[in-house]
PDB file of N, CA and C in Angstrom:
ATOM      1  N   MET A   1      66.609 101.527 109.425  1.00  0.00           N
ATOM      2  CA  MET A   1      67.260 100.568 108.572  1.00  0.00           C
ATOM      3  C   MET A   1      68.768 100.718 108.750  1.00  0.00           C
ATOM      4  N   SER A   2      69.472  99.618 108.567  1.00  0.00           N
ATOM      5  CA  SER A   2      70.924  99.705 108.606  1.00  0.00           C
ATOM      6  C   SER A   2      71.438 100.051 107.211  1.00  0.00           C
ATOM      7  N   VAL A   3      72.558 100.744 107.160  1.00  0.00           N
ATOM      8  CA  VAL A   3      73.210 101.109 105.903  1.00  0.00           C
ATOM      9  C   VAL A   3      74.485 100.283 105.824  1.00  0.00           C
ATOM     10  N   ASP A   4      74.610  99.511 104.761  1.00  0.00           N
ATOM     11  CA  ASP A   4      75.727  98.576 104.634  1.00  0.00           C
ATOM     12  C   ASP A   4      76.376  98.685 103.270  1.00  0.00           C
ATOM     13  N   LEU A   5      77.614  98.220 103.195  1.00  0.00           N
ATOM     14  CA  LEU A   5      78.344  98.164 101.934  1.00  0.00           C
ATOM     15  C   LEU A   5      78.354  96.722 101.462  1.00  0.00           C
ATOM     16  N   THR A   6      77.975  96.509 100.220  1.00  0.00           N
ATOM     17  CA  THR A   6      78.009  95.167  99.641  1.00  0.00           C
ATOM     18  C   THR A   6      78.654  95.260  98.267  1.00  0.00           C
ATOM     19  N   ASN A   7      78.992  94.132  97.698  1.00  0.00           N
ATOM     20  CA  ASN A   7      79.614  94.099  96.381  1.00  0.00           C
ATOM     21  C   ASN A   7      78.688  93.360  95.434  1.00  0.00           C
ATOM     22  N   ILE A   8      78.331  94.011  94.340  1.00  0.00           N
ATOM     23  CA  ILE A   8      77.459  93.399  93.335  1.00  0.00           C
ATOM     24  C   ILE A   8      78.173  93.472  91.993  1.00  0.00           C
ATOM     25  N   ASN A   9      78.475  92.317  91.427  1.00  0.00           N
ATOM     26  CA  ASN A   9      79.163  92.226  90.130  1.00  0.00           C
ATOM     27  C   ASN A   9      80.453  93.047  90.098  1.00  0.00           C
ATOM     28  N   GLY A  10      81.185  93.035  91.209  1.00  0.00           N
ATOM     29  CA  GLY A  10      82.463  93.729  91.266  1.00  0.00           C
ATOM     30  C   GLY A  10      82.392  95.198  91.627  1.00  0.00           C
ATOM     31  N   PHE A  11      81.200  95.711  91.904  1.00  0.00           N
ATOM     32  CA  PHE A  11      81.031  97.121  92.252  1.00  0.00           C
ATOM     33  C   PHE A  11      80.573  97.259  93.697  1.00  0.00           C
ATOM     34  N   ASP A  12      81.153  98.233  94.412  1.00  0.00           N
ATOM     35  CA  ASP A  12      80.690  98.540  95.763  1.00  0.00           C
ATOM     36  C   ASP A  12      79.346  99.245  95.666  1.00  0.00           C
ATOM     37  N   VAL A  13      78.374  98.764  96.444  1.00  0.00           N
ATOM     38  CA  VAL A  13      77.029  99.331  96.453  1.00  0.00           C
ATOM     39  C   VAL A  13      76.617  99.559  97.899  1.00  0.00           C
ATOM     40  N   VAL A  14      76.106 100.762  98.191  1.00  0.00           N
ATOM     41  CA  VAL A  14      75.596 101.066  99.525  1.00  0.00           C
ATOM     42  C   VAL A  14      74.116 100.697  99.531  1.00  0.00           C
ATOM     43  N   VAL A  15      73.724  99.842 100.470  1.00  0.00           N
ATOM     44  CA  VAL A  15      72.347  99.364 100.540  1.00  0.00           C
ATOM     45  C   VAL A  15      71.726  99.661 101.900  1.00  0.00           C
ATOM     46  N   CYS A  16      70.409  99.704 101.911  1.00  0.00           N
ATOM     47  CA  CYS A  16      69.642  99.788 103.160  1.00  0.00           C
ATOM     48  C   CYS A  16      69.019  98.431 103.403  1.00  0.00           C
ATOM     49  N   ARG A  17      69.096  97.986 104.652  1.00  0.00           N
ATOM     50  CA  ARG A  17      68.539  96.680 105.026  1.00  0.00           C
ATOM     51  C   ARG A  17      67.547  96.845 106.176  1.00  0.00           C
ATOM     52  N   LYS A  18      66.492  96.050 106.141  1.00  0.00           N
ATOM     53  CA  LYS A  18      65.592  95.972 107.290  1.00  0.00           C
ATOM     54  C   LYS A  18      66.380  95.398 108.448  1.00  0.00           C
ATOM     55  N   GLN A  19      66.264  95.995 109.611  1.00  0.00           N
ATOM     56  CA  GLN A  19      67.037  95.489 110.746  1.00  0.00           C
ATOM     57  C   GLN A  19      66.482  94.177 111.280  1.00  0.00           C
ATOM     58  N   ALA A  20      65.200  93.915 111.062  1.00  0.00           N
ATOM     59  CA  ALA A  20      64.596  92.691 111.595  1.00  0.00           C
ATOM     60  C   ALA A  20      65.165  91.433 110.936  1.00  0.00           C
ATOM     61  N   ASN A  21      65.337  91.459 109.598  1.00  0.00           N
ATOM     62  CA  ASN A  21      65.790  90.243 108.910  1.00  0.00           C
ATOM     63  C   ASN A  21      66.966  90.497 107.957  1.00  0.00           C
ATOM     64  N   MET A  22      67.510  91.712 107.946  1.00  0.00           N
ATOM     65  CA  MET A  22      68.660  92.110 107.126  1.00  0.00           C
ATOM     66  C   MET A  22      68.398  91.998 105.619  1.00  0.00           C
ATOM     67  N   GLN A  23      67.132  91.982 105.221  1.00  0.00           N
ATOM     68  CA  GLN A  23      66.776  91.955 103.809  1.00  0.00           C
ATOM     69  C   GLN A  23      67.074  93.320 103.180  1.00  0.00           C
ATOM     70  N   VAL A  24      67.723  93.317 102.010  1.00  0.00           N
ATOM     71  CA  VAL A  24      67.998  94.564 101.299  1.00  0.00           C
ATOM     72  C   VAL A  24      66.684  95.122 100.766  1.00  0.00           C
ATOM     73  N   VAL A  25      66.438  96.407 101.070  1.00  0.00           N
ATOM     74  CA  VAL A  25      65.207  97.053 100.597  1.00  0.00           C
ATOM     75  C   VAL A  25      65.489  98.148  99.573  1.00  0.00           C
ATOM     76  N   GLY A  26      66.756  98.494  99.381  1.00  0.00           N
ATOM     77  CA  GLY A  26      67.083  99.502  98.385  1.00  0.00           C
ATOM     78  C   GLY A  26      68.549  99.873  98.440  1.00  0.00           C
ATOM     79  N   SER A  27      68.955 100.687  97.474  1.00  0.00           N
ATOM     80  CA  SER A  27      70.345 101.148  97.429  1.00  0.00           C
ATOM     81  C   SER A  27      70.379 102.668  97.495  1.00  0.00           C
ATOM     82  N   ILE A  28      71.525 103.187  97.910  1.00  0.00           N
ATOM     83  CA  ILE A  28      71.731 104.629  98.009  1.00  0.00           C
ATOM     84  C   ILE A  28      72.376 105.098  96.711  1.00  0.00           C
ATOM     85  N   ALA A  29      71.798 106.099  96.086  1.00  0.00           N
ATOM     86  CA  ALA A  29      72.332 106.637  94.835  1.00  0.00           C
ATOM     87  C   ALA A  29      72.079 108.139  94.800  1.00  0.00           C
ATOM     88  N   ALA A  30      72.742 108.794  93.876  1.00  0.00           N
ATOM     89  CA  ALA A  30      72.513 110.219  93.588  1.00  0.00           C
ATOM     90  C   ALA A  30      72.779 111.132  94.783  1.00  0.00           C
ATOM     91  N   ILE A  31      73.855 110.822  95.538  1.00  0.00           N
ATOM     92  CA  ILE A  31      74.279 111.769  96.572  1.00  0.00           C
ATOM     93  C   ILE A  31      75.728 112.150  96.296  1.00  0.00           C
ATOM     94  N   ARG A  32      76.051 113.401  96.529  1.00  0.00           N
ATOM     95  CA  ARG A  32      77.398 113.898  96.238  1.00  0.00           C
ATOM     96  C   ARG A  32      78.462 113.217  97.089  1.00  0.00           C
ATOM     97  N   GLN A  33      78.129 112.824  98.286  1.00  0.00           N
ATOM     98  CA  GLN A  33      79.109 112.265  99.215  1.00  0.00           C
ATOM     99  C   GLN A  33      79.156 110.739  99.192  1.00  0.00           C
ATOM    100  N   LEU A  34      78.707 110.124  98.113  1.00  0.00           N
ATOM    101  CA  LEU A  34      78.651 108.659  98.074  1.00  0.00           C
ATOM    102  C   LEU A  34      80.036 108.044  98.257  1.00  0.00           C
ATOM    103  N   GLY A  35      81.045 108.587  97.607  1.00  0.00           N
ATOM    104  CA  GLY A  35      82.410 108.067  97.761  1.00  0.00           C
ATOM    105  C   GLY A  35      82.899 108.161  99.195  1.00  0.00           C
ATOM    106  N   GLN A  36      82.581 109.272  99.846  1.00  0.00           N
ATOM    107  CA  GLN A  36      82.969 109.460 101.250  1.00  0.00           C
ATOM    108  C   GLN A  36      82.225 108.468 102.138  1.00  0.00           C
ATOM    109  N   LEU A  37      80.938 108.251 101.870  1.00  0.00           N
ATOM    110  CA  LEU A  37      80.150 107.289 102.648  1.00  0.00           C
ATOM    111  C   LEU A  37      80.727 105.889 102.494  1.00  0.00           C
ATOM    112  N   ILE A  38      81.094 105.516 101.278  1.00  0.00           N
ATOM    113  CA  ILE A  38      81.697 104.202 101.045  1.00  0.00           C
ATOM    114  C   ILE A  38      82.993 104.066 101.840  1.00  0.00           C
ATOM    115  N   GLY A  39      83.811 105.102 101.836  1.00  0.00           N
ATOM    116  CA  GLY A  39      85.054 105.073 102.610  1.00  0.00           C
ATOM    117  C   GLY A  39      84.805 104.906 104.095  1.00  0.00           C
ATOM    118  N   CYS A  40      83.814 105.598 104.609  1.00  0.00           N
ATOM    119  CA  CYS A  40      83.478 105.492 106.032  1.00  0.00           C
ATOM    120  C   CYS A  40      82.966 104.099 106.373  1.00  0.00           C
ATOM    121  N   LEU A  41      82.140 103.521 105.505  1.00  0.00           N
ATOM    122  CA  LEU A  41      81.640 102.163 105.741  1.00  0.00           C
ATOM    123  C   LEU A  41      82.795 101.160 105.707  1.00  0.00           C
ATOM    124  N   ARG A  42      83.723 101.344 104.785  1.00  0.00           N
ATOM    125  CA  ARG A  42      84.899 100.459 104.709  1.00  0.00           C
ATOM    126  C   ARG A  42      85.735 100.530 105.982  1.00  0.00           C
ATOM    127  N   SER A  43      85.795 101.715 106.597  1.00  0.00           N
ATOM    128  CA  SER A  43      86.617 101.877 107.801  1.00  0.00           C
ATOM    129  C   SER A  43      85.906 101.389 109.060  1.00  0.00           C
ATOM    130  N   GLY A  44      84.661 100.918 108.925  1.00  0.00           N
ATOM    131  CA  GLY A  44      83.965 100.331 110.062  1.00  0.00           C
ATOM    132  C   GLY A  44      82.905 101.203 110.714  1.00  0.00           C
ATOM    133  N   ARG A  45      82.705 102.411 110.211  1.00  0.00           N
ATOM    134  CA  ARG A  45      81.657 103.257 110.786  1.00  0.00           C
ATOM    135  C   ARG A  45      80.290 102.662 110.486  1.00  0.00           C
ATOM    136  N   LEU A  46      79.345 102.843 111.409  1.00  0.00           N
ATOM    137  CA  LEU A  46      77.997 102.296 111.286  1.00  0.00           C
ATOM    138  C   LEU A  46      76.997 103.428 111.083  1.00  0.00           C
ATOM    139  N   TYR A  47      76.052 103.194 110.178  1.00  0.00           N
ATOM    140  CA  TYR A  47      75.043 104.198 109.860  1.00  0.00           C
ATOM    141  C   TYR A  47      73.656 103.576 109.858  1.00  0.00           C
ATOM    142  N   ASN A  48      72.662 104.400 110.175  1.00  0.00           N
ATOM    143  CA  ASN A  48      71.255 104.038 110.046  1.00  0.00           C
ATOM    144  C   ASN A  48      70.593 105.008 109.082  1.00  0.00           C
ATOM    145  N   ALA A  49      69.553 104.552 108.412  1.00  0.00           N
ATOM    146  CA  ALA A  49      68.782 105.388 107.502  1.00  0.00           C
ATOM    147  C   ALA A  49      67.328 105.406 107.956  1.00  0.00           C
ATOM    148  N   THR A  50      66.711 106.585 107.844  1.00  0.00           N
ATOM    149  CA  THR A  50      65.295 106.757 108.168  1.00  0.00           C
ATOM    150  C   THR A  50      64.599 107.344 106.953  1.00  0.00           C
ATOM    151  N   VAL A  51      63.485 106.759 106.553  1.00  0.00           N
ATOM    152  CA  VAL A  51      62.726 107.267 105.405  1.00  0.00           C
ATOM    153  C   VAL A  51      62.132 108.621 105.768  1.00  0.00           C
ATOM    154  N   THR A  52      62.361 109.621 104.892  1.00  0.00           N
ATOM    155  CA  THR A  52      61.801 110.955 105.113  1.00  0.00           C
ATOM    156  C   THR A  52      60.713 111.296 104.107  1.00  0.00           C
ATOM    157  N   VAL A  53      60.824 110.778 102.871  1.00  0.00           N
ATOM    158  CA  VAL A  53      59.819 111.014 101.835  1.00  0.00           C
ATOM    159  C   VAL A  53      59.675 109.728 101.032  1.00  0.00           C
ATOM    160  N   CYS A  54      58.446 109.361 100.726  1.00  0.00           N
ATOM    161  CA  CYS A  54      58.202 108.160  99.934  1.00  0.00           C
ATOM    162  C   CYS A  54      57.228 108.500  98.807  1.00  0.00           C
ATOM    163  N   ASN A  55      57.764 108.539  97.576  1.00  0.00           N
ATOM    164  CA  ASN A  55      56.936 108.748  96.396  1.00  0.00           C
ATOM    165  C   ASN A  55      56.744 107.411  95.706  1.00  0.00           C
ATOM    166  N   VAL A  56      56.160 107.416  94.526  1.00  0.00           N
ATOM    167  CA  VAL A  56      55.867 106.169  93.828  1.00  0.00           C
ATOM    168  C   VAL A  56      57.133 105.342  93.592  1.00  0.00           C
ATOM    169  N   SER A  57      58.172 105.954  93.015  1.00  0.00           N
ATOM    170  CA  SER A  57      59.373 105.183  92.699  1.00  0.00           C
ATOM    171  C   SER A  57      60.650 105.715  93.354  1.00  0.00           C
ATOM    172  N   ILE A  58      60.553 106.819  94.085  1.00  0.00           N
ATOM    173  CA  ILE A  58      61.723 107.409  94.727  1.00  0.00           C
ATOM    174  C   ILE A  58      61.473 107.531  96.228  1.00  0.00           C
ATOM    175  N   VAL A  59      62.422 107.033  97.001  1.00  0.00           N
ATOM    176  CA  VAL A  59      62.355 107.140  98.456  1.00  0.00           C
ATOM    177  C   VAL A  59      63.554 107.950  98.900  1.00  0.00           C
ATOM    178  N   THR A  60      63.315 108.946  99.735  1.00  0.00           N
ATOM    179  CA  THR A  60      64.385 109.773 100.279  1.00  0.00           C
ATOM    180  C   THR A  60      64.634 109.349 101.714  1.00  0.00           C
ATOM    181  N   VAL A  61      65.911 109.191 102.064  1.00  0.00           N
ATOM    182  CA  VAL A  61      66.257 108.788 103.420  1.00  0.00           C
ATOM    183  C   VAL A  61      67.227 109.775 104.033  1.00  0.00           C
ATOM    184  N   HIS A  62      67.212 109.834 105.354  1.00  0.00           N
ATOM    185  CA  HIS A  62      68.190 110.597 106.134  1.00  0.00           C
ATOM    186  C   HIS A  62      69.147 109.571 106.712  1.00  0.00           C
ATOM    187  N   ILE A  63      70.449 109.754 106.448  1.00  0.00           N
ATOM    188  CA  ILE A  63      71.464 108.823 106.926  1.00  0.00           C
ATOM    189  C   ILE A  63      72.229 109.486 108.046  1.00  0.00           C
ATOM    190  N   GLU A  64      72.392 108.752 109.151  1.00  0.00           N
ATOM    191  CA  GLU A  64      73.161 109.304 110.262  1.00  0.00           C
ATOM    192  C   GLU A  64      74.071 108.253 110.887  1.00  0.00           C
ATOM    193  N   LEU A  65      75.169 108.724 111.406  1.00  0.00           N
ATOM    194  CA  LEU A  65      76.151 107.888 112.080  1.00  0.00           C
ATOM    195  C   LEU A  65      75.543 107.340 113.370  1.00  0.00           C
ATOM    196  N   VAL A  66      75.783 106.048 113.607  1.00  0.00           N
ATOM    197  CA  VAL A  66      75.247 105.401 114.817  1.00  0.00           C
ATOM    198  C   VAL A  66      76.174 105.714 115.989  1.00  0.00           C
TER     199      VAL A  66
END
């Protein structure tokens, strides 16, 4: 999945999108480096996310620089 920065109601939100149709499938939350990730996305760096754990309501992803 691609990791992108979008704006929702005036707030920057990091989202994961399906690469096939760019549909948003979720947002990134609860990571200590979220501010740093947002800064990197703003500067043009590209990231991909891979699902590592999938529970009922929580999905864990590994994010890496493309």
